[in-house]
Amino acid sequence: MLIKQISVFLENKCGRFAEIARILGENNINMTAFTVSENEDFGIARFIVNNTEKALAILKEHSYGVSTTEVVYLKCDNVPGAMAKAMAKLSKAGVFVEYMYAFADKDSAHVIIRPDNVQLCDSVLN
C-alpha cells in the first residue's frame, strides 16, 4: 500500500526530536512509525502519522524544514523468513530499496519501504 512519509531535517542537538514529538503530541497527531538517522551536522527524522497534512502544517508553522515522500507500507506475518520472501520478490523485479524501517506487533510485521520505484514495489508486493 502506498502511504505518505514525513521527513524533518534537524540540527544534531540534544532534544530536537523530543521537541517534534511534543509539538505533534500537543496537536493530537500520533506517530505510528518513525526512524531517526544522523550524521555529524544534522539528522533526518522520518515518520508516518495519523494526519499527514495537519502534521506538515504544524511543523512548518514551527519553522521546520519538512517534506513528504511516497513510501510503500507492507504488512506481513511476523515469522522467520517473511522478509526474505518479500525482499527476494523485489530483487527479482529489479526494485532497489533505498532504505526501510520496521516494527513488529505480535503476529504482524509492519515495514516502511522507500524504493527507487514505488509503483513497481507496491505492485510486486501486492
Protein backbone atom coordinates (compact mmCIF):
# COMPACT_ATOMS: atom_id res chain seq x y z
CA MET A 1 0.00 0.00 0.00
CA LEU A 2 1.31 3.47 -0.86
CA ILE A 3 1.39 5.98 2.01
CA LYS A 4 2.98 9.36 2.76
CA GLN A 5 6.03 9.71 4.97
CA ILE A 6 7.13 12.99 6.53
CA SER A 7 10.82 13.87 6.69
CA VAL A 8 12.09 16.59 9.01
CA PHE A 9 15.62 17.96 8.92
CA LEU A 10 17.02 18.53 12.39
CA GLU A 11 20.07 20.13 13.90
CA ASN A 12 22.17 17.44 15.51
CA LYS A 13 21.50 18.73 19.03
CA CYS A 14 20.06 17.15 22.14
CA GLY A 15 16.28 17.49 22.43
CA ARG A 16 15.41 18.21 18.79
CA PHE A 17 13.40 15.01 18.28
CA ALA A 18 11.79 15.47 21.69
CA GLU A 19 10.57 18.88 20.55
CA ILE A 20 8.97 17.45 17.41
CA ALA A 21 7.33 14.67 19.41
CA ARG A 22 5.97 17.25 21.86
CA ILE A 23 4.61 19.52 19.10
CA LEU A 24 2.88 16.62 17.35
CA GLY A 25 1.52 15.19 20.60
CA GLU A 26 0.12 18.55 21.71
CA ASN A 27 -1.74 18.69 18.40
CA ASN A 28 -3.19 15.19 18.74
CA ILE A 29 -1.01 13.76 15.97
CA ASN A 30 0.13 10.20 16.55
CA MET A 31 3.42 8.89 15.15
CA THR A 32 2.68 5.31 14.16
CA ALA A 33 6.22 4.59 12.91
CA PHE A 34 9.47 6.52 12.81
CA THR A 35 13.20 6.38 12.30
CA VAL A 36 15.90 8.93 13.01
CA SER A 37 19.26 8.96 11.28
CA GLU A 38 22.06 11.43 11.70
CA ASN A 39 25.48 12.49 10.66
CA GLU A 40 27.87 14.93 12.29
CA ASP A 41 25.91 18.08 11.41
CA PHE A 42 22.24 17.19 11.07
CA GLY A 43 19.68 14.47 11.43
CA ILE A 44 16.64 13.36 9.49
CA ALA A 45 13.54 12.17 11.28
CA ARG A 46 11.19 10.18 9.07
CA PHE A 47 7.78 9.22 10.30
CA ILE A 48 4.30 8.05 9.50
CA VAL A 49 1.48 9.88 11.28
CA ASN A 50 -2.28 9.63 11.54
CA ASN A 51 -2.80 13.06 9.90
CA THR A 52 -0.08 13.96 7.40
CA GLU A 53 -1.48 17.29 6.20
CA LYS A 54 -2.04 18.61 9.73
CA ALA A 55 1.44 17.50 10.81
CA LEU A 56 3.04 19.23 7.82
CA ALA A 57 1.23 22.48 8.52
CA ILE A 58 2.11 22.46 12.22
CA LEU A 59 5.77 21.64 11.65
CA LYS A 60 6.04 24.37 9.01
CA GLU A 61 4.45 26.83 11.48
CA HIS A 62 7.30 25.94 13.84
CA SER A 63 9.86 26.64 11.07
CA TYR A 64 10.96 23.06 10.48
CA GLY A 65 12.23 22.00 7.08
CA VAL A 66 9.77 19.28 6.12
CA SER A 67 8.95 17.25 3.05
CA THR A 68 6.78 14.30 2.15
CA THR A 69 7.74 11.17 0.30
CA GLU A 70 5.62 8.37 -1.03
CA VAL A 71 6.64 5.06 0.52
CA VAL A 72 5.35 1.51 0.48
CA TYR A 73 3.75 0.04 3.60
CA LEU A 74 3.99 -3.74 3.84
CA LYS A 75 2.22 -5.79 6.47
CA CYS A 76 3.41 -9.36 6.62
CA ASP A 77 3.49 -12.26 9.03
CA ASN A 78 5.94 -11.89 11.90
CA VAL A 79 7.67 -15.21 11.23
CA PRO A 80 11.19 -16.21 10.24
CA GLY A 81 11.74 -15.80 6.51
CA ALA A 82 8.84 -13.45 5.76
CA MET A 83 11.11 -10.51 4.95
CA ALA A 84 13.42 -12.76 2.94
CA LYS A 85 10.50 -13.70 0.69
CA ALA A 86 9.44 -10.06 0.22
CA MET A 87 13.00 -8.91 -0.50
CA ALA A 88 13.54 -11.78 -2.96
CA LYS A 89 10.44 -10.67 -4.91
CA LEU A 90 11.70 -7.08 -5.02
CA SER A 91 15.19 -8.16 -6.05
CA LYS A 92 13.83 -10.38 -8.83
CA ALA A 93 11.75 -7.43 -10.12
CA GLY A 94 14.80 -5.14 -10.07
CA VAL A 95 13.49 -2.88 -7.28
CA PHE A 96 16.26 -1.14 -5.36
CA VAL A 97 15.48 -0.35 -1.71
CA GLU A 98 16.97 2.98 -0.65
CA TYR A 99 16.04 2.45 3.00
CA MET A 100 13.41 0.82 5.18
CA TYR A 101 12.35 0.54 8.77
CA ALA A 102 10.05 -1.85 10.55
CA PHE A 103 8.36 -2.86 13.75
CA ALA A 104 6.51 -5.97 14.88
CA ASP A 105 3.23 -6.24 16.74
CA LYS A 106 2.58 -9.79 17.90
CA ASP A 107 1.74 -11.79 14.75
CA SER A 108 2.33 -8.99 12.21
CA ALA A 109 5.38 -7.15 10.97
CA HIS A 110 4.93 -3.62 9.61
CA VAL A 111 7.56 -2.42 7.14
CA ILE A 112 8.03 1.02 5.59
CA ILE A 113 10.00 0.78 2.34
CA ARG A 114 11.49 3.61 0.29
CA PRO A 115 12.29 2.03 -3.09
CA ASP A 116 13.60 3.62 -6.25
CA ASN A 117 10.25 2.82 -7.93
CA VAL A 118 7.29 2.99 -5.53
CA GLN A 119 4.70 1.92 -8.09
CA LEU A 120 6.61 -1.20 -9.11
CA CYS A 121 7.44 -2.05 -5.49
CA ASP A 122 3.80 -1.75 -4.49
CA SER A 123 2.71 -3.86 -7.44
CA VAL A 124 5.26 -6.61 -6.73
CA LEU A 125 4.33 -6.83 -3.04
CA ASN A 126 0.58 -6.85 -3.66
